[in-house]
Amino acid sequence: MGKLPNLPVARVLWDAQPNLEVAATCWILAGGAHHTVYTQALTTEFIEDFAEMAGIELVVIDRNTTIRSFKDQLNANEAYFHMFKNNL
C-alpha cells in the first residue's frame, strides 16, 4: 500500500502533559477511560467550577502533575469520601 499524504487525519488530538509517561500513568491510576473528559471548548476552570457545583470528584492532569502528587490527591479524595459519605 502506498503513502496517502493528502488524507485529512488528526495529527495531534491530545498533547500529553507534562509528558506521556506521567499523563498515562495518572490517567490509569484515576480509572482510565471510565470517567474521562476531553474538550477544547471549555477551560479547566469551567470544569472545576461545574464539578464543585455538582459535588463530583475532579482530578486534573496537566503540566504541573507529578505521579506522587496525583496519588496523594486520589488518596485524599478517597479518604474524604469515606469520612463524609453518610452526609452526601
N, C-alpha and C. Protein backbone atom coordinates (compact mmCIF):
# COMPACT_ATOMS: atom_id res chain seq x y z
N MET A 1 0.85 -1.17 0.00
CA MET A 1 0.00 0.00 0.00
C MET A 1 0.90 1.23 0.00
N GLY A 2 0.60 2.18 -0.86
CA GLY A 2 1.40 3.39 -0.96
C GLY A 2 1.05 4.42 0.09
N LYS A 3 1.83 5.48 0.12
CA LYS A 3 1.57 6.58 1.05
C LYS A 3 0.31 7.33 0.63
N LEU A 4 -0.41 7.85 1.62
CA LEU A 4 -1.63 8.61 1.37
C LEU A 4 -1.50 9.97 2.03
N PRO A 5 -0.63 10.86 1.51
CA PRO A 5 -0.29 12.11 2.20
C PRO A 5 -1.41 13.15 2.23
N ASN A 6 -2.43 13.02 1.40
CA ASN A 6 -3.46 14.05 1.32
C ASN A 6 -4.73 13.73 2.09
N LEU A 7 -4.72 12.63 2.85
CA LEU A 7 -5.91 12.29 3.62
C LEU A 7 -6.01 13.21 4.84
N PRO A 8 -7.23 13.71 5.13
CA PRO A 8 -7.41 14.59 6.29
C PRO A 8 -7.50 13.78 7.58
N VAL A 9 -6.40 13.64 8.26
CA VAL A 9 -6.38 12.87 9.51
C VAL A 9 -5.86 13.75 10.64
N ALA A 10 -6.33 13.46 11.85
CA ALA A 10 -5.86 14.20 13.01
C ALA A 10 -4.40 13.85 13.28
N ARG A 11 -3.62 14.86 13.49
CA ARG A 11 -2.20 14.64 13.79
C ARG A 11 -1.97 14.65 15.29
N VAL A 12 -2.57 15.61 15.98
CA VAL A 12 -2.44 15.69 17.43
C VAL A 12 -3.81 16.01 18.00
N LEU A 13 -4.36 15.08 18.74
CA LEU A 13 -5.63 15.32 19.41
C LEU A 13 -5.36 15.63 20.87
N TRP A 14 -4.37 14.97 21.43
CA TRP A 14 -4.07 15.10 22.85
C TRP A 14 -2.57 15.28 23.00
N ASP A 15 -2.16 16.39 23.54
CA ASP A 15 -0.75 16.66 23.82
C ASP A 15 -0.53 16.34 25.29
N ALA A 16 -0.02 15.16 25.56
CA ALA A 16 0.12 14.67 26.93
C ALA A 16 1.02 15.59 27.76
N GLN A 17 0.49 16.05 28.88
CA GLN A 17 1.24 16.93 29.78
C GLN A 17 1.38 16.27 31.13
N PRO A 18 2.45 16.35 31.83
CA PRO A 18 3.68 17.03 31.44
C PRO A 18 4.47 16.22 30.41
N ASN A 19 4.21 14.92 30.34
CA ASN A 19 4.79 14.05 29.32
C ASN A 19 3.92 12.81 29.25
N LEU A 20 4.14 11.97 28.26
CA LEU A 20 3.28 10.81 28.06
C LEU A 20 3.34 9.83 29.23
N GLU A 21 4.52 9.59 29.79
CA GLU A 21 4.64 8.63 30.89
C GLU A 21 3.82 9.06 32.10
N VAL A 22 3.97 10.30 32.53
CA VAL A 22 3.23 10.79 33.70
C VAL A 22 1.74 10.86 33.40
N ALA A 23 1.38 11.41 32.25
CA ALA A 23 -0.04 11.56 31.90
C ALA A 23 -0.73 10.21 31.82
N ALA A 24 -0.12 9.24 31.15
CA ALA A 24 -0.74 7.92 31.01
C ALA A 24 -0.83 7.20 32.35
N THR A 25 0.23 7.29 33.16
CA THR A 25 0.22 6.65 34.46
C THR A 25 -0.89 7.22 35.34
N CYS A 26 -1.01 8.54 35.39
CA CYS A 26 -2.04 9.18 36.21
C CYS A 26 -3.43 8.86 35.68
N TRP A 27 -3.58 8.84 34.37
CA TRP A 27 -4.85 8.53 33.76
C TRP A 27 -5.30 7.13 34.16
N ILE A 28 -4.37 6.17 34.13
CA ILE A 28 -4.69 4.80 34.53
C ILE A 28 -5.01 4.73 36.02
N LEU A 29 -4.22 5.42 36.85
CA LEU A 29 -4.49 5.44 38.29
C LEU A 29 -5.88 5.99 38.62
N ALA A 30 -6.35 6.92 37.80
CA ALA A 30 -7.65 7.55 38.02
C ALA A 30 -8.80 6.73 37.45
N GLY A 31 -8.50 5.61 36.83
CA GLY A 31 -9.56 4.76 36.30
C GLY A 31 -9.61 4.67 34.80
N GLY A 32 -8.63 5.25 34.14
CA GLY A 32 -8.58 5.16 32.69
C GLY A 32 -9.79 5.79 32.04
N ALA A 33 -10.31 5.16 31.03
CA ALA A 33 -11.39 5.73 30.24
C ALA A 33 -12.74 5.70 30.94
N HIS A 34 -12.80 5.19 32.14
CA HIS A 34 -14.09 5.05 32.82
C HIS A 34 -14.83 6.37 32.97
N HIS A 35 -14.15 7.41 33.35
CA HIS A 35 -14.78 8.72 33.51
C HIS A 35 -13.88 9.81 32.92
N THR A 36 -13.54 9.69 31.67
CA THR A 36 -12.63 10.62 31.04
C THR A 36 -13.39 11.68 30.25
N VAL A 37 -12.91 12.92 30.34
CA VAL A 37 -13.48 14.01 29.56
C VAL A 37 -12.36 14.68 28.78
N TYR A 38 -12.62 14.95 27.53
CA TYR A 38 -11.68 15.71 26.72
C TYR A 38 -12.47 16.77 25.97
N THR A 39 -12.05 18.01 26.07
CA THR A 39 -12.70 19.07 25.32
C THR A 39 -11.71 20.19 25.06
N GLN A 40 -11.88 20.85 23.93
CA GLN A 40 -11.14 22.07 23.65
C GLN A 40 -12.07 23.28 23.73
N ALA A 41 -13.35 23.03 24.01
CA ALA A 41 -14.34 24.10 24.03
C ALA A 41 -14.48 24.75 25.40
N LEU A 42 -14.01 24.10 26.46
CA LEU A 42 -14.15 24.60 27.82
C LEU A 42 -12.79 24.71 28.49
N THR A 43 -12.68 25.63 29.41
CA THR A 43 -11.44 25.76 30.16
C THR A 43 -11.45 24.82 31.36
N THR A 44 -10.28 24.57 31.91
CA THR A 44 -10.18 23.76 33.11
C THR A 44 -10.96 24.40 34.25
N GLU A 45 -10.89 25.71 34.35
CA GLU A 45 -11.60 26.43 35.41
C GLU A 45 -13.11 26.22 35.31
N PHE A 46 -13.65 26.19 34.10
CA PHE A 46 -15.07 25.94 33.91
C PHE A 46 -15.44 24.56 34.43
N ILE A 47 -14.65 23.56 34.08
CA ILE A 47 -14.92 22.19 34.53
C ILE A 47 -14.77 22.09 36.05
N GLU A 48 -13.77 22.76 36.61
CA GLU A 48 -13.60 22.77 38.08
C GLU A 48 -14.82 23.37 38.76
N ASP A 49 -15.30 24.49 38.25
CA ASP A 49 -16.49 25.13 38.83
C ASP A 49 -17.69 24.20 38.75
N PHE A 50 -17.88 23.56 37.59
CA PHE A 50 -19.01 22.65 37.43
C PHE A 50 -18.92 21.48 38.41
N ALA A 51 -17.74 20.87 38.53
CA ALA A 51 -17.56 19.74 39.44
C ALA A 51 -17.87 20.14 40.88
N GLU A 52 -17.44 21.32 41.27
CA GLU A 52 -17.72 21.80 42.62
C GLU A 52 -19.22 22.00 42.83
N MET A 53 -19.88 22.63 41.87
CA MET A 53 -21.33 22.85 41.99
C MET A 53 -22.10 21.54 42.01
N ALA A 54 -21.64 20.56 41.23
CA ALA A 54 -22.34 19.28 41.12
C ALA A 54 -21.95 18.32 42.25
N GLY A 55 -20.91 18.66 42.99
CA GLY A 55 -20.46 17.80 44.08
C GLY A 55 -19.83 16.50 43.60
N ILE A 56 -19.10 16.59 42.48
CA ILE A 56 -18.44 15.41 41.94
C ILE A 56 -16.93 15.58 41.99
N GLU A 57 -16.25 14.46 42.06
CA GLU A 57 -14.78 14.48 42.12
C GLU A 57 -14.22 14.88 40.76
N LEU A 58 -13.18 15.67 40.81
CA LEU A 58 -12.45 16.06 39.60
C LEU A 58 -10.97 15.95 39.89
N VAL A 59 -10.24 15.28 39.03
CA VAL A 59 -8.78 15.30 39.09
C VAL A 59 -8.29 15.78 37.73
N VAL A 60 -7.31 16.65 37.76
CA VAL A 60 -6.80 17.26 36.54
C VAL A 60 -5.37 16.79 36.32
N ILE A 61 -5.09 16.37 35.11
CA ILE A 61 -3.73 16.01 34.71
C ILE A 61 -3.26 17.11 33.78
N ASP A 62 -2.26 17.87 34.24
CA ASP A 62 -1.76 18.98 33.42
C ASP A 62 -0.25 19.06 33.53
N ARG A 63 0.32 20.16 33.05
CA ARG A 63 1.78 20.28 33.01
C ARG A 63 2.43 20.30 34.38
N ASN A 64 1.64 20.53 35.45
CA ASN A 64 2.19 20.57 36.80
C ASN A 64 2.03 19.25 37.56
N THR A 65 1.45 18.25 36.93
CA THR A 65 1.16 16.98 37.58
C THR A 65 2.42 16.13 37.75
N THR A 66 2.53 15.56 38.95
CA THR A 66 3.55 14.52 39.19
C THR A 66 2.80 13.28 39.65
N ILE A 67 3.38 12.13 39.42
CA ILE A 67 2.72 10.88 39.82
C ILE A 67 2.53 10.85 41.33
N ARG A 68 3.52 11.26 42.09
CA ARG A 68 3.41 11.26 43.55
C ARG A 68 2.28 12.16 44.03
N SER A 69 2.22 13.39 43.53
CA SER A 69 1.17 14.30 43.98
C SER A 69 -0.21 13.83 43.52
N PHE A 70 -0.27 13.20 42.36
CA PHE A 70 -1.54 12.69 41.86
C PHE A 70 -2.05 11.54 42.73
N LYS A 71 -1.15 10.64 43.10
CA LYS A 71 -1.53 9.55 44.01
C LYS A 71 -2.01 10.11 45.35
N ASP A 72 -1.30 11.11 45.86
CA ASP A 72 -1.71 11.74 47.12
C ASP A 72 -3.10 12.34 46.99
N GLN A 73 -3.38 12.99 45.88
CA GLN A 73 -4.70 13.59 45.67
C GLN A 73 -5.79 12.52 45.62
N LEU A 74 -5.53 11.43 44.90
CA LEU A 74 -6.52 10.35 44.83
C LEU A 74 -6.78 9.75 46.21
N ASN A 75 -5.71 9.56 46.99
CA ASN A 75 -5.86 9.01 48.34
C ASN A 75 -6.64 9.97 49.25
N ALA A 76 -6.35 11.25 49.16
CA ALA A 76 -7.07 12.24 49.96
C ALA A 76 -8.54 12.29 49.56
N ASN A 77 -8.82 12.22 48.28
CA ASN A 77 -10.20 12.21 47.81
C ASN A 77 -10.95 10.99 48.32
N GLU A 78 -10.29 9.84 48.30
CA GLU A 78 -10.91 8.61 48.79
C GLU A 78 -11.20 8.70 50.29
N ALA A 79 -10.25 9.22 51.05
CA ALA A 79 -10.46 9.39 52.49
C ALA A 79 -11.61 10.35 52.77
N TYR A 80 -11.66 11.44 52.04
CA TYR A 80 -12.73 12.42 52.20
C TYR A 80 -14.09 11.78 51.94
N PHE A 81 -14.19 11.01 50.86
CA PHE A 81 -15.44 10.37 50.52
C PHE A 81 -15.89 9.42 51.63
N HIS A 82 -14.96 8.63 52.15
CA HIS A 82 -15.32 7.68 53.21
C HIS A 82 -15.70 8.38 54.51
N MET A 83 -15.10 9.50 54.80
CA MET A 83 -15.42 10.24 56.02
C MET A 83 -16.79 10.90 55.94
N PHE A 84 -17.16 11.34 54.77
CA PHE A 84 -18.38 12.15 54.64
C PHE A 84 -19.47 11.49 53.81
N LYS A 85 -19.31 10.21 53.46
CA LYS A 85 -20.28 9.57 52.56
C LYS A 85 -21.69 9.52 53.16
N ASN A 86 -21.84 9.47 54.47
CA ASN A 86 -23.15 9.44 55.08
C ASN A 86 -23.85 10.79 55.02
N ASN A 87 -23.09 11.86 54.78
CA ASN A 87 -23.67 13.19 54.71
C ASN A 87 -24.00 13.60 53.28
N LEU A 88 -23.69 12.75 52.31
CA LEU A 88 -23.94 13.11 50.90
C LEU A 88 -25.37 12.85 50.51
